[in-house]
C-alpha atoms as a PDB file:
ATOM      1  CA  MET A   1     130.232 118.201  46.445  1.00  0.00           C
ATOM      2  CA  PRO A   2     130.449 118.105  42.601  1.00  0.00           C
ATOM      3  CA  ARG A   3     127.499 115.718  42.527  1.00  0.00           C
ATOM      4  CA  LEU A   4     125.469 117.948  44.832  1.00  0.00           C
ATOM      5  CA  ARG A   5     126.347 120.940  42.703  1.00  0.00           C
ATOM      6  CA  LEU A   6     125.207 119.105  39.582  1.00  0.00           C
ATOM      7  CA  LEU A   7     121.936 118.093  41.233  1.00  0.00           C
ATOM      8  CA  PHE A   8     121.389 121.695  42.281  1.00  0.00           C
ATOM      9  CA  LEU A   9     121.957 122.955  38.727  1.00  0.00           C
ATOM     10  CA  LEU A  10     119.728 120.240  37.292  1.00  0.00           C
ATOM     11  CA  ALA A  11     116.965 121.303  39.661  1.00  0.00           C
ATOM     12  CA  LEU A  12     117.556 125.019  39.103  1.00  0.00           C
ATOM     13  CA  PHE A  13     117.516 124.876  35.296  1.00  0.00           C
ATOM     14  CA  PRO A  14     113.920 123.589  34.922  1.00  0.00           C
ATOM     15  CA  VAL A  15     112.772 126.005  37.611  1.00  0.00           C
ATOM     16  CA  MET A  16     114.287 128.942  35.710  1.00  0.00           C
ATOM     17  CA  VAL A  17     112.842 127.718  32.396  1.00  0.00           C
ATOM     18  CA  ALA A  18     109.348 127.212  33.797  1.00  0.00           C
ATOM     19  CA  GLY A  19     109.553 130.405  35.837  1.00  0.00           C
ATOM     20  CA  ALA A  20     110.376 132.465  32.743  1.00  0.00           C
ATOM     21  CA  GLN A  21     107.466 131.008  30.801  1.00  0.00           C
ATOM     22  CA  LEU A  22     104.956 131.402  33.631  1.00  0.00           C
ATOM     23  CA  GLY A  23     106.194 134.896  34.410  1.00  0.00           C
ATOM     24  CA  LEU A  24     105.797 136.020  30.797  1.00  0.00           C
ATOM     25  CA  ARG A  25     102.324 134.483  30.674  1.00  0.00           C
ATOM     26  CA  ALA A  26     101.290 136.288  33.858  1.00  0.00           C
ATOM     27  CA  ALA A  27     102.589 139.567  32.424  1.00  0.00           C
ATOM     28  CA  GLY A  28     100.743 139.024  29.147  1.00  0.00           C
ATOM     29  CA  MET A  29     104.032 138.845  27.237  1.00  0.00           C
ATOM     30  CA  GLU A  30     104.127 135.189  26.214  1.00  0.00           C
ATOM     31  CA  TYR A  31     104.964 136.314  22.687  1.00  0.00           C
ATOM     32  CA  CYS A  32     108.490 136.977  24.017  1.00  0.00           C
ATOM     33  CA  LEU A  33     109.024 133.216  24.111  1.00  0.00           C
ATOM     34  CA  THR A  34     109.729 133.421  20.375  1.00  0.00           C
ATOM     35  CA  GLN A  35     112.894 135.471  20.898  1.00  0.00           C
ATOM     36  CA  LEU A  36     113.777 133.406  23.961  1.00  0.00           C
ATOM     37  CA  THR A  37     113.585 130.185  21.936  1.00  0.00           C
ATOM     38  CA  MET A  38     115.778 131.684  19.220  1.00  0.00           C
ATOM     39  CA  SER A  39     118.281 132.715  21.891  1.00  0.00           C
ATOM     40  CA  VAL A  40     118.447 129.137  23.172  1.00  0.00           C
ATOM     41  CA  TYR A  41     119.290 127.861  19.681  1.00  0.00           C
ATOM     42  CA  TYR A  42     122.021 130.492  19.357  1.00  0.00           C
ATOM     43  CA  ALA A  43     123.352 129.321  22.724  1.00  0.00           C
ATOM     44  CA  LEU A  44     123.940 125.831  21.315  1.00  0.00           C
ATOM     45  CA  VAL A  45     126.593 127.313  19.026  1.00  0.00           C
ATOM     46  CA  VAL A  46     128.304 129.001  21.964  1.00  0.00           C
ATOM     47  CA  MET A  47     128.299 125.720  23.904  1.00  0.00           C
ATOM     48  CA  GLY A  48     130.330 124.152  21.111  1.00  0.00           C
ATOM     49  CA  LEU A  49     132.737 127.092  21.169  1.00  0.00           C
ATOM     50  CA  CYS A  50     133.084 126.685  24.939  1.00  0.00           C
ATOM     51  CA  LEU A  51     134.291 123.148  24.313  1.00  0.00           C
ATOM     52  CA  LEU A  52     136.688 124.246  21.569  1.00  0.00           C
ATOM     53  CA  MET A  53     138.061 127.445  23.117  1.00  0.00           C
ATOM     54  CA  GLY A  54     137.784 126.862  26.844  1.00  0.00           C
ATOM     55  CA  TYR A  55     139.159 123.315  26.849  1.00  0.00           C
ATOM     56  CA  ALA A  56     141.041 122.656  23.589  1.00  0.00           C
ATOM     57  CA  GLY A  57     142.441 126.195  23.497  1.00  0.00           C
ATOM     58  CA  GLN A  58     141.527 126.794  19.832  1.00  0.00           C
ATOM     59  CA  VAL A  59     139.763 129.842  18.396  1.00  0.00           C
ATOM     60  CA  SER A  60     137.290 129.458  15.551  1.00  0.00           C
ATOM     61  CA  LEU A  61     135.783 132.315  13.563  1.00  0.00           C
ATOM     62  CA  GLY A  62     133.694 130.026  11.400  1.00  0.00           C
ATOM     63  CA  HIS A  63     130.858 128.846  13.609  1.00  0.00           C
ATOM     64  CA  GLY A  64     128.467 131.339  12.070  1.00  0.00           C
ATOM     65  CA  ALA A  65     129.198 129.691   8.723  1.00  0.00           C
ATOM     66  CA  PHE A  66     128.630 126.217  10.189  1.00  0.00           C
ATOM     67  CA  PHE A  67     125.322 127.439  11.630  1.00  0.00           C
ATOM     68  CA  ALA A  68     124.317 128.707   8.193  1.00  0.00           C
ATOM     69  CA  LEU A  69     125.594 125.540   6.520  1.00  0.00           C
ATOM     70  CA  GLY A  70     123.202 123.441   8.586  1.00  0.00           C
ATOM     71  CA  GLY A  71     120.322 125.850   8.150  1.00  0.00           C
ATOM     72  CA  TYR A  72     120.727 126.397   4.427  1.00  0.00           C
ATOM     73  CA  THR A  73     121.183 122.694   3.689  1.00  0.00           C
ATOM     74  CA  THR A  74     117.892 121.776   5.329  1.00  0.00           C
ATOM     75  CA  ALA A  75     116.182 124.858   3.835  1.00  0.00           C
ATOM     76  CA  VAL A  76     117.260 124.078   0.268  1.00  0.00           C
ATOM     77  CA  LEU A  77     116.401 120.387   0.474  1.00  0.00           C
ATOM     78  CA  THR A  78     112.987 120.871   2.094  1.00  0.00           C
ATOM     79  CA  THR A  79     111.846 123.731  -0.177  1.00  0.00           C
ATOM     80  CA  HIS A  80     113.315 122.733  -3.553  1.00  0.00           C
ATOM     81  CA  ASP A  81     110.898 120.968  -5.904  1.00  0.00           C
ATOM     82  CA  PHE A  82     112.290 117.634  -7.101  1.00  0.00           C
ATOM     83  CA  SER A  83     109.208 116.734  -9.166  1.00  0.00           C
ATOM     84  CA  GLY A  84     111.283 116.905 -12.328  1.00  0.00           C
ATOM     85  CA  ILE A  85     113.212 113.770 -11.379  1.00  0.00           C
ATOM     86  CA  ARG A  86     110.149 111.761 -10.378  1.00  0.00           C
ATOM     87  CA  ALA A  87     110.566 109.567 -13.480  1.00  0.00           C
ATOM     88  CA  CYS A  88     114.181 108.723 -12.624  1.00  0.00           C
ATOM     89  CA  ALA A  89     115.044 105.273 -11.338  1.00  0.00           C
ATOM     90  CA  GLY A  90     115.105 104.992  -7.565  1.00  0.00           C
ATOM     91  CA  VAL A  91     112.932 108.027  -6.853  1.00  0.00           C
ATOM     92  CA  GLY A  92     109.929 105.806  -6.125  1.00  0.00           C
ATOM     93  CA  VAL A  93     111.996 103.865  -3.609  1.00  0.00           C
ATOM     94  CA  LEU A  94     112.965 107.111  -1.868  1.00  0.00           C
ATOM     95  CA  GLU A  95     109.310 108.154  -1.719  1.00  0.00           C
ATOM     96  CA  ARG A  96     108.234 104.852  -0.223  1.00  0.00           C
ATOM     97  CA  ALA A  97     111.060 105.105   2.304  1.00  0.00           C
ATOM     98  CA  GLY A  98     109.795 108.544   3.352  1.00  0.00           C
ATOM     99  CA  LEU A  99     112.955 110.382   2.255  1.00  0.00           C
ATOM    100  CA  LEU A 100     111.013 112.327  -0.381  1.00  0.00           C
ATOM    101  CA  VAL A 101     107.613 113.717   0.567  1.00  0.00           C
ATOM    102  CA  ALA A 102     104.894 115.734  -1.125  1.00  0.00           C
ATOM    103  CA  GLN A 103     104.943 119.407  -0.160  1.00  0.00           C
ATOM    104  CA  GLN A 104     103.068 122.564  -1.077  1.00  0.00           C
ATOM    105  CA  ASP A 105     104.935 125.766  -1.839  1.00  0.00           C
ATOM    106  CA  LEU A 106     103.922 129.254  -0.761  1.00  0.00           C
ATOM    107  CA  TYR A 107     101.453 129.441  -3.663  1.00  0.00           C
ATOM    108  CA  GLY A 108      99.740 126.139  -2.867  1.00  0.00           C
ATOM    109  CA  GLN A 109     101.281 124.198  -5.737  1.00  0.00           C
ATOM    110  CA  ALA A 110     102.161 120.561  -5.083  1.00  0.00           C
ATOM    111  CA  GLY A 111     105.764 119.491  -5.291  1.00  0.00           C
ATOM    112  CA  LEU A 112     108.244 116.889  -4.146  1.00  0.00           C
ATOM    113  CA  SER A 113     110.929 117.722  -1.601  1.00  0.00           C
ATOM    114  CA  VAL A 114     113.239 116.044   0.874  1.00  0.00           C
ATOM    115  CA  ALA A 115     111.770 115.085   4.250  1.00  0.00           C
ATOM    116  CA  PRO A 116     113.052 117.176   7.192  1.00  0.00           C
ATOM    117  CA  TRP A 117     114.656 114.170   8.908  1.00  0.00           C
ATOM    118  CA  ALA A 118     116.589 113.306   5.724  1.00  0.00           C
ATOM    119  CA  ALA A 119     117.557 116.965   5.264  1.00  0.00           C
ATOM    120  CA  PHE A 120     118.794 117.052   8.851  1.00  0.00           C
ATOM    121  CA  ALA A 121     120.989 113.990   8.225  1.00  0.00           C
ATOM    122  CA  ALA A 122     122.344 115.561   5.016  1.00  0.00           C
ATOM    123  CA  ALA A 123     123.145 118.821   6.837  1.00  0.00           C
ATOM    124  CA  MET A 124     125.044 117.019   9.586  1.00  0.00           C
ATOM    125  CA  LEU A 125     126.950 114.867   7.090  1.00  0.00           C
ATOM    126  CA  LEU A 126     127.923 117.870   4.972  1.00  0.00           C
ATOM    127  CA  THR A 127     129.072 119.792   8.061  1.00  0.00           C
ATOM    128  CA  PHE A 128     131.104 116.789   9.216  1.00  0.00           C
ATOM    129  CA  VAL A 129     132.939 116.576   5.876  1.00  0.00           C
ATOM    130  CA  VAL A 130     133.564 120.337   5.635  1.00  0.00           C
ATOM    131  CA  ALA A 131     134.819 120.540   9.241  1.00  0.00           C
ATOM    132  CA  LEU A 132     137.247 117.688   8.552  1.00  0.00           C
ATOM    133  CA  LEU A 133     138.529 119.368   5.383  1.00  0.00           C
ATOM    134  CA  ILE A 134     139.126 122.653   7.226  1.00  0.00           C
ATOM    135  CA  GLY A 135     140.314 121.309  10.557  1.00  0.00           C
ATOM    136  CA  TYR A 136     142.673 118.556   9.445  1.00  0.00           C
ATOM    137  CA  PRO A 137     145.366 120.787   7.890  1.00  0.00           C
ATOM    138  CA  ALA A 138     144.838 123.766  10.230  1.00  0.00           C
ATOM    139  CA  LEU A 139     144.836 121.912  13.560  1.00  0.00           C
ATOM    140  CA  ARG A 140     148.074 120.082  12.849  1.00  0.00           C
ATOM    141  CA  LEU A 141     149.835 123.449  13.028  1.00  0.00           C
ATOM    142  CA  ARG A 142     150.335 125.730  16.011  1.00  0.00           C
ATOM    143  CA  GLY A 143     149.204 129.255  16.592  1.00  0.00           C
ATOM    144  CA  HIS A 144     146.125 130.868  15.125  1.00  0.00           C
ATOM    145  CA  TYR A 145     145.974 128.916  11.886  1.00  0.00           C
ATOM    146  CA  LEU A 146     142.520 127.573  12.751  1.00  0.00           C
ATOM    147  CA  ALA A 147     141.173 131.087  13.316  1.00  0.00           C
ATOM    148  CA  MET A 148     142.603 132.213   9.976  1.00  0.00           C
ATOM    149  CA  ALA A 149     141.260 129.165   8.126  1.00  0.00           C
ATOM    150  CA  THR A 150     137.783 129.444   9.624  1.00  0.00           C
ATOM    151  CA  LEU A 151     137.651 133.186   8.952  1.00  0.00           C
ATOM    152  CA  GLY A 152     138.428 132.524   5.308  1.00  0.00           C
ATOM    153  CA  PHE A 153     135.780 129.806   5.255  1.00  0.00           C
ATOM    154  CA  THR A 154     133.223 132.221   6.715  1.00  0.00           C
ATOM    155  CA  LEU A 155     133.938 134.854   4.074  1.00  0.00           C
ATOM    156  CA  ILE A 156     133.664 132.275   1.272  1.00  0.00           C
ATOM    157  CA  VAL A 157     130.365 130.866   2.557  1.00  0.00           C
ATOM    158  CA  SER A 158     128.912 134.350   3.026  1.00  0.00           C
ATOM    159  CA  LYS A 159     129.759 135.373  -0.555  1.00  0.00           C
ATOM    160  CA  LEU A 160     128.448 132.112  -1.995  1.00  0.00           C
ATOM    161  CA  LEU A 161     125.131 132.500  -0.193  1.00  0.00           C
ATOM    162  CA  LEU A 162     124.781 136.096  -1.381  1.00  0.00           C
ATOM    163  CA  GLY A 163     125.590 135.267  -4.978  1.00  0.00           C
ATOM    164  CA  SER A 164     123.675 132.025  -5.490  1.00  0.00           C
ATOM    165  CA  ALA A 165     120.098 131.886  -6.768  1.00  0.00           C
ATOM    166  CA  LEU A 166     119.682 128.437  -5.203  1.00  0.00           C
ATOM    167  CA  THR A 167     120.058 129.962  -1.728  1.00  0.00           C
ATOM    168  CA  GLY A 168     117.871 132.956  -2.470  1.00  0.00           C
ATOM    169  CA  SER A 169     120.765 135.427  -2.738  1.00  0.00           C
ATOM    170  CA  ALA A 170     120.303 138.391  -0.392  1.00  0.00           C
ATOM    171  CA  ASP A 171     116.692 137.432   0.381  1.00  0.00           C
ATOM    172  CA  GLY A 172     117.568 134.056   1.856  1.00  0.00           C
ATOM    173  CA  ILE A 173     115.113 131.156   1.909  1.00  0.00           C
ATOM    174  CA  HIS A 174     111.574 131.335   3.288  1.00  0.00           C
ATOM    175  CA  GLY A 175     108.721 128.899   3.552  1.00  0.00           C
ATOM    176  CA  VAL A 176     110.743 126.136   5.249  1.00  0.00           C
ATOM    177  CA  PRO A 177     108.204 123.510   6.395  1.00  0.00           C
ATOM    178  CA  GLU A 178     107.598 122.362   9.933  1.00  0.00           C
ATOM    179  CA  TRP A 179     109.622 119.477  11.284  1.00  0.00           C
ATOM    180  CA  LYS A 180     107.586 116.758  12.985  1.00  0.00           C
ATOM    181  CA  LEU A 181     110.105 115.227  15.354  1.00  0.00           C
ATOM    182  CA  LEU A 182     107.669 112.848  17.038  1.00  0.00           C
ATOM    183  CA  PRO A 183     103.891 112.456  17.164  1.00  0.00           C
ATOM    184  CA  GLY A 184     102.668 115.576  18.944  1.00  0.00           C
ATOM    185  CA  LEU A 185     106.111 117.250  18.879  1.00  0.00           C
ATOM    186  CA  THR A 186     106.745 119.682  16.019  1.00  0.00           C
ATOM    187  CA  VAL A 187     109.455 122.267  15.431  1.00  0.00           C
ATOM    188  CA  SER A 188     107.470 125.247  14.228  1.00  0.00           C
ATOM    189  CA  GLY A 189     107.119 128.961  14.836  1.00  0.00           C
ATOM    190  CA  ARG A 190     103.315 128.890  14.927  1.00  0.00           C
ATOM    191  CA  SER A 191     101.891 130.794  17.882  1.00  0.00           C
ATOM    192  CA  ALA A 192      99.859 127.753  18.933  1.00  0.00           C
ATOM    193  CA  LEU A 193     103.113 125.793  19.363  1.00  0.00           C
ATOM    194  CA  ARG A 194     105.107 128.614  20.937  1.00  0.00           C
ATOM    195  CA  VAL A 195     105.221 127.158  24.462  1.00  0.00           C
ATOM    196  CA  GLN A 196     105.901 123.641  23.196  1.00  0.00           C
ATOM    197  CA  ASN A 197     108.852 124.815  21.101  1.00  0.00           C
ATOM    198  CA  TYR A 198     110.234 126.837  23.979  1.00  0.00           C
ATOM    199  CA  TYR A 199     110.388 123.775  26.210  1.00  0.00           C
ATOM    200  CA  LEU A 200     111.701 121.699  23.315  1.00  0.00           C
ATOM    201  CA  ALA A 201     114.629 124.081  22.780  1.00  0.00           C
ATOM    202  CA  CYS A 202     115.400 124.248  26.507  1.00  0.00           C
ATOM    203  CA  GLY A 203     115.198 120.458  26.802  1.00  0.00           C
ATOM    204  CA  LEU A 204     117.624 120.068  23.901  1.00  0.00           C
ATOM    205  CA  ALA A 205     120.017 122.546  25.538  1.00  0.00           C
ATOM    206  CA  LEU A 206     119.859 120.651  28.839  1.00  0.00           C
ATOM    207  CA  LEU A 207     120.574 117.309  27.142  1.00  0.00           C
ATOM    208  CA  LEU A 208     123.576 118.781  25.364  1.00  0.00           C
ATOM    209  CA  LEU A 209     124.828 120.380  28.574  1.00  0.00           C
ATOM    210  CA  LEU A 210     124.716 117.036  30.369  1.00  0.00           C
ATOM    211  CA  GLY A 211     126.339 115.234  27.446  1.00  0.00           C
ATOM    212  CA  LEU A 212     129.175 117.749  27.165  1.00  0.00           C
ATOM    213  CA  ARG A 213     129.689 117.763  30.933  1.00  0.00           C
ATOM    214  CA  ASN A 214     130.037 113.988  30.978  1.00  0.00           C
ATOM    215  CA  LEU A 215     132.482 114.212  28.077  1.00  0.00           C
ATOM    216  CA  LEU A 216     134.605 116.772  29.909  1.00  0.00           C
ATOM    217  CA  ARG A 217     134.596 114.650  33.084  1.00  0.00           C
ATOM    218  CA  SER A 218     135.988 111.703  31.140  1.00  0.00           C
ATOM    219  CA  ARG A 219     139.465 110.914  29.885  1.00  0.00           C
ATOM    220  CA  VAL A 220     138.784 113.085  26.857  1.00  0.00           C
ATOM    221  CA  GLY A 221     138.157 116.130  29.048  1.00  0.00           C
ATOM    222  CA  ARG A 222     141.355 115.589  31.016  1.00  0.00           C
ATOM    223  CA  ALA A 223     143.304 115.281  27.774  1.00  0.00           C
ATOM    224  CA  LEU A 224     141.777 118.536  26.487  1.00  0.00           C
ATOM    225  CA  LEU A 225     142.720 120.363  29.678  1.00  0.00           C
ATOM    226  CA  ALA A 226     146.279 119.093  29.322  1.00  0.00           C
ATOM    227  CA  ILE A 227     146.373 120.326  25.720  1.00  0.00           C
ATOM    228  CA  HIS A 228     144.980 123.703  26.752  1.00  0.00           C
ATOM    229  CA  ASP A 229     147.543 124.206  29.516  1.00  0.00           C
ATOM    230  CA  ARG A 230     150.700 122.756  27.928  1.00  0.00           C
ATOM    231  CA  GLU A 231     150.318 121.249  24.477  1.00  0.00           C
ATOM    232  CA  THR A 232     153.986 120.276  24.193  1.00  0.00           C
ATOM    233  CA  ALA A 233     153.942 118.511  27.546  1.00  0.00           C
ATOM    234  CA  ALA A 234     150.682 116.748  26.663  1.00  0.00           C
ATOM    235  CA  ASN A 235     152.224 115.539  23.419  1.00  0.00           C
ATOM    236  CA  ALA A 236     155.266 114.270  25.292  1.00  0.00           C
ATOM    237  CA  MET A 237     152.992 112.293  27.634  1.00  0.00           C
ATOM    238  CA  GLY A 238     151.545 110.381  24.683  1.00  0.00           C
ATOM    239  CA  ILE A 239     148.381 112.408  24.028  1.00  0.00           C
ATOM    240  CA  ASN A 240     147.603 112.691  20.322  1.00  0.00           C
ATOM    241  CA  THR A 241     146.967 116.419  20.467  1.00  0.00           C
ATOM    242  CA  ALA A 242     146.200 116.839  16.755  1.00  0.00           C
ATOM    243  CA  ALA A 243     143.553 114.091  16.826  1.00  0.00           C
ATOM    244  CA  TYR A 244     141.883 115.454  19.975  1.00  0.00           C
ATOM    245  CA  LYS A 245     141.759 118.997  18.631  1.00  0.00           C
ATOM    246  CA  LEU A 246     140.318 117.812  15.331  1.00  0.00           C
ATOM    247  CA  LYS A 247     137.604 115.742  17.035  1.00  0.00           C
ATOM    248  CA  VAL A 248     136.587 118.638  19.280  1.00  0.00           C
ATOM    249  CA  PHE A 249     136.514 121.041  16.333  1.00  0.00           C
ATOM    250  CA  VAL A 250     134.274 118.704  14.341  1.00  0.00           C
ATOM    251  CA  LEU A 251     131.995 118.188  17.348  1.00  0.00           C
ATOM    252  CA  SER A 252     131.623 121.935  17.924  1.00  0.00           C
ATOM    253  CA  ALA A 253     130.898 122.448  14.207  1.00  0.00           C
ATOM    254  CA  LEU A 254     128.195 119.757  14.346  1.00  0.00           C
ATOM    255  CA  LEU A 255     126.603 121.521  17.336  1.00  0.00           C
ATOM    256  CA  ALA A 256     126.504 124.749  15.315  1.00  0.00           C
ATOM    257  CA  ALA A 257     124.909 122.957  12.356  1.00  0.00           C
ATOM    258  CA  LEU A 258     122.410 121.279  14.681  1.00  0.00           C
ATOM    259  CA  ALA A 259     121.398 124.688  16.018  1.00  0.00           C
ATOM    260  CA  GLY A 260     121.097 126.002  12.455  1.00  0.00           C
ATOM    261  CA  VAL A 261     118.744 123.193  11.420  1.00  0.00           C
ATOM    262  CA  PHE A 262     116.423 123.646  14.410  1.00  0.00           C
ATOM    263  CA  PHE A 263     116.542 127.440  14.099  1.00  0.00           C
ATOM    264  CA  THR A 264     115.627 127.324  10.395  1.00  0.00           C
ATOM    265  CA  HIS A 265     112.652 125.037  10.893  1.00  0.00           C
ATOM    266  CA  TYR A 266     111.511 127.107  13.870  1.00  0.00           C
ATOM    267  CA  THR A 267     111.673 130.486  12.116  1.00  0.00           C
ATOM    268  CA  GLY A 268     110.583 129.097   8.739  1.00  0.00           C
ATOM    269  CA  GLY A 269     113.587 130.517   6.910  1.00  0.00           C
ATOM    270  CA  ILE A 270     117.176 131.687   7.055  1.00  0.00           C
ATOM    271  CA  ALA A 271     119.066 134.730   5.767  1.00  0.00           C
ATOM    272  CA  PRO A 272     122.708 135.114   4.627  1.00  0.00           C
ATOM    273  CA  SER A 273     123.418 137.396   7.580  1.00  0.00           C
ATOM    274  CA  GLU A 274     123.638 134.257   9.729  1.00  0.00           C
ATOM    275  CA  ALA A 275     126.902 133.384   7.944  1.00  0.00           C
ATOM    276  CA  GLY A 276     128.506 136.807   8.326  1.00  0.00           C
ATOM    277  CA  ALA A 277     131.923 137.244   9.906  1.00  0.00           C
ATOM    278  CA  LEU A 278     130.464 139.556  12.548  1.00  0.00           C
ATOM    279  CA  LYS A 279     128.107 136.767  13.615  1.00  0.00           C
ATOM    280  CA  SER A 280     131.037 134.408  14.189  1.00  0.00           C
ATOM    281  CA  VAL A 281     132.894 137.079  16.154  1.00  0.00           C
ATOM    282  CA  ARG A 282     129.796 137.561  18.278  1.00  0.00           C
ATOM    283  CA  TYR A 283     129.705 133.854  19.145  1.00  0.00           C
ATOM    284  CA  VAL A 284     133.345 134.015  20.245  1.00  0.00           C
ATOM    285  CA  ALA A 285     132.601 137.104  22.354  1.00  0.00           C
ATOM    286  CA  LEU A 286     129.645 135.362  24.021  1.00  0.00           C
ATOM    287  CA  ALA A 287     131.834 132.394  24.889  1.00  0.00           C
ATOM    288  CA  ALA A 288     134.364 134.749  26.460  1.00  0.00           C
ATOM    289  CA  ALA A 289     131.650 136.650  28.347  1.00  0.00           C
ATOM    290  CA  GLY A 290     130.306 133.445  29.884  1.00  0.00           C
ATOM    291  CA  GLY A 291     133.637 132.314  31.239  1.00  0.00           C
ATOM    292  CA  MET A 292     135.105 130.401  28.263  1.00  0.00           C
ATOM    293  CA  ALA A 293     135.456 127.077  30.143  1.00  0.00           C
ATOM    294  CA  ASN A 294     132.167 127.313  32.055  1.00  0.00           C
ATOM    295  CA  LEU A 295     129.414 125.461  30.191  1.00  0.00           C
ATOM    296  CA  TRP A 296     126.609 126.711  32.410  1.00  0.00           C
ATOM    297  CA  GLY A 297     128.003 130.249  32.375  1.00  0.00           C
ATOM    298  CA  VAL A 298     128.313 130.557  28.596  1.00  0.00           C
ATOM    299  CA  THR A 299     124.831 129.097  28.126  1.00  0.00           C
ATOM    300  CA  VAL A 300     123.131 131.510  30.533  1.00  0.00           C
ATOM    301  CA  MET A 301     125.043 134.571  29.322  1.00  0.00           C
ATOM    302  CA  SER A 302     124.458 133.706  25.680  1.00  0.00           C
ATOM    303  CA  ILE A 303     120.706 133.313  26.187  1.00  0.00           C
ATOM    304  CA  ALA A 304     120.467 136.531  28.197  1.00  0.00           C
ATOM    305  CA  LEU A 305     122.506 138.746  25.861  1.00  0.00           C
ATOM    306  CA  ASN A 306     120.995 137.345  22.664  1.00  0.00           C
ATOM    307  CA  TYR A 307     117.511 137.810  24.065  1.00  0.00           C
ATOM    308  CA  CYS A 308     118.240 141.470  24.828  1.00  0.00           C
ATOM    309  CA  SER A 309     119.503 141.952  21.271  1.00  0.00           C
ATOM    310  CA  LEU A 310     116.573 140.172  19.632  1.00  0.00           C
ATOM    311  CA  ARG A 311     114.093 142.199  21.677  1.00  0.00           C
ATOM    312  CA  GLY A 312     115.800 145.389  20.475  1.00  0.00           C
ATOM    313  CA  TRP A 313     116.387 146.726  23.960  1.00  0.00           C
ATOM    314  CA  PHE A 314     119.537 148.578  22.873  1.00  0.00           C
ATOM    315  CA  GLY A 315     118.195 149.834  19.546  1.00  0.00           C
ATOM    316  CA  SER A 316     120.837 151.041  17.112  1.00  0.00           C
ATOM    317  CA  TYR A 317     123.413 150.945  19.912  1.00  0.00           C
ATOM    318  CA  ASP A 318     123.184 147.158  20.172  1.00  0.00           C
ATOM    319  CA  ASN A 319     126.777 146.443  19.092  1.00  0.00           C
ATOM    320  CA  ALA A 320     128.158 149.277  21.225  1.00  0.00           C
ATOM    321  CA  VAL A 321     126.321 148.125  24.366  1.00  0.00           C
ATOM    322  CA  PHE A 322     127.268 144.531  23.671  1.00  0.00           C
ATOM    323  CA  GLY A 323     130.935 145.503  23.349  1.00  0.00           C
ATOM    324  CA  ALA A 324     130.822 147.556  26.559  1.00  0.00           C
ATOM    325  CA  LEU A 325     129.245 144.669  28.491  1.00  0.00           C
ATOM    326  CA  LEU A 326     131.875 142.311  27.131  1.00  0.00           C
ATOM    327  CA  ILE A 327     134.698 144.632  28.247  1.00  0.00           C
ATOM    328  CA  LEU A 328     133.197 144.910  31.735  1.00  0.00           C
ATOM    329  CA  ILE A 329     132.751 141.160  32.095  1.00  0.00           C
ATOM    330  CA  ILE A 330     136.254 140.348  30.847  1.00  0.00           C
ATOM    331  CA  SER A 331     137.789 143.031  33.086  1.00  0.00           C
ATOM    332  CA  LEU A 332     135.855 142.365  36.297  1.00  0.00           C
ATOM    333  CA  ALA A 333     134.928 138.678  35.979  1.00  0.00           C
ATOM    334  CA  PRO A 334     137.188 136.900  33.450  1.00  0.00           C
ATOM    335  CA  GLU A 335     135.778 133.514  34.496  1.00  0.00           C
ATOM    336  CA  GLY A 336     132.222 134.668  33.872  1.00  0.00           C
ATOM    337  CA  PRO A 337     129.776 136.494  36.131  1.00  0.00           C
ATOM    338  CA  LEU A 338     128.215 133.292  37.491  1.00  0.00           C
ATOM    339  CA  LYS A 339     131.290 132.228  39.450  1.00  0.00           C
ATOM    340  CA  PRO A 340     131.538 135.478  41.507  1.00  0.00           C
ATOM    341  CA  LEU A 341     127.797 135.211  42.095  1.00  0.00           C
ATOM    342  CA  GLY A 342     128.222 131.669  43.391  1.00  0.00           C
ATOM    343  CA  LEU A 343     131.055 132.736  45.712  1.00  0.00           C
ATOM    344  CA  TRP A 344     128.935 135.608  47.039  1.00  0.00           C
ATOM    345  CA  LEU A 345     126.079 133.199  47.788  1.00  0.00           C
ATOM    346  CA  ARG A 346     128.512 130.880  49.601  1.00  0.00           C
ATOM    347  CA  ARG A 347     129.731 133.747  51.788  1.00  0.00           C
ATOM    348  CA  LEU A 348     126.148 134.798  52.419  1.00  0.00           C
ATOM    349  CA  ALA A 349     125.412 131.276  53.614  1.00  0.00           C
ATOM    350  CA  GLY A 350     128.467 131.325  55.871  1.00  0.00           C
ATOM    351  CA  ARG A 351     130.383 128.689  53.908  1.00  0.00           C
ATOM    352  CA  PRO A 352     134.098 129.095  53.084  1.00  0.00           C
ATOM    353  CA  ASP A 353     135.309 129.664  49.546  1.00  0.00           C
ATOM    354  CA  PRO A 354     136.831 126.557  47.941  1.00  0.00           C
ATOM    355  CA  GLU A 355     139.980 128.528  47.004  1.00  0.00           C
ATOM    356  CA  ARG A 356     140.486 129.734  50.577  1.00  0.00           C
ATOM    357  CA  ARG A 357     140.164 126.476  52.451  1.00  0.00           C
ATOM    358  CA  THR A 358     143.122 125.696  54.660  1.00  0.00           C
ATOM    359  CA  PRO A 359     144.941 122.381  54.201  1.00  0.00           C
ATOM    360  CA  HIS A 360     143.902 119.463  56.376  1.00  0.00           C
ATOM    361  CA  GLY A 361     145.607 119.717  59.752  1.00  0.00           C
ATOM    362  CA  ALA A 362     146.667 123.330  59.306  1.00  0.00           C
ATOM    363  CA  PRO A 363     145.738 125.800  62.037  1.00  0.00           C
END
């Protein structure tokens, strides 16, 4: 049954993705794919939080900062002009290796900047180091030390971005170049590539969903569940709880940075609001609204709610409506709205609920 369920979800996901695109095209609203693609990138952050909160039992209020760390790193490196160091030793080697490339700024002036692939690697490496520095001391303690540490990290990053000329201060960074992943596949917000980037973002989300699902079905996933339920008992059984929690925290931070890099290249810029504390709280709320430990649920709910916000459906009452929806979901469907929907479909099909099956041999 789990394999059939997975096959069903794998078949349903592309159908939903293609159906949304074709439906918007038929309605003459294909421009909405821009907000939908942005929502998918935001959902990647929530997927990492699902892993950290739903399975490792840890709360992080710093994933907005990790998102901005990835985005700002690639934005600074790909827009900053390094022509002044062209005469330095080793720069020619970097150019021949493709790590430094010629770019034109917004005014058409030629310059030298870091290639997007190299900037992506630098962003992931920087996020890895920062996540280790924050997580190693905090995750070896119990309680909400991680939440406190990551909240402090978020506030520091937000202030640094607002007060630094290198990051554009309150204006952020604009003019981030396109990212040519492969021949014929480019991360860009151009209208001609809108459909391509929509399927690219959804394909990336599907690959990460499958990868995280396989991870959770392995020995690592069973260890995380044991830590989430009874950390002391898991430690007594020989599970290195501190190491597992640290690895999951770093992995979720890398997912946030990955989303930030793709988002920045897609939108062509990034603003300091992406690193705000409210943004991190929103990611945590989306993870809770999707069912916390339900990868498919948090992904769908995150895409849906972020899309509604980006389209401005709630206007100035966006935060109020979002909070009300969150309260309703947590109160009526604490495991996410997708699970009750699945149970209702099972009853409609005349199949018994898994929780209500009688034991074998029982009357």
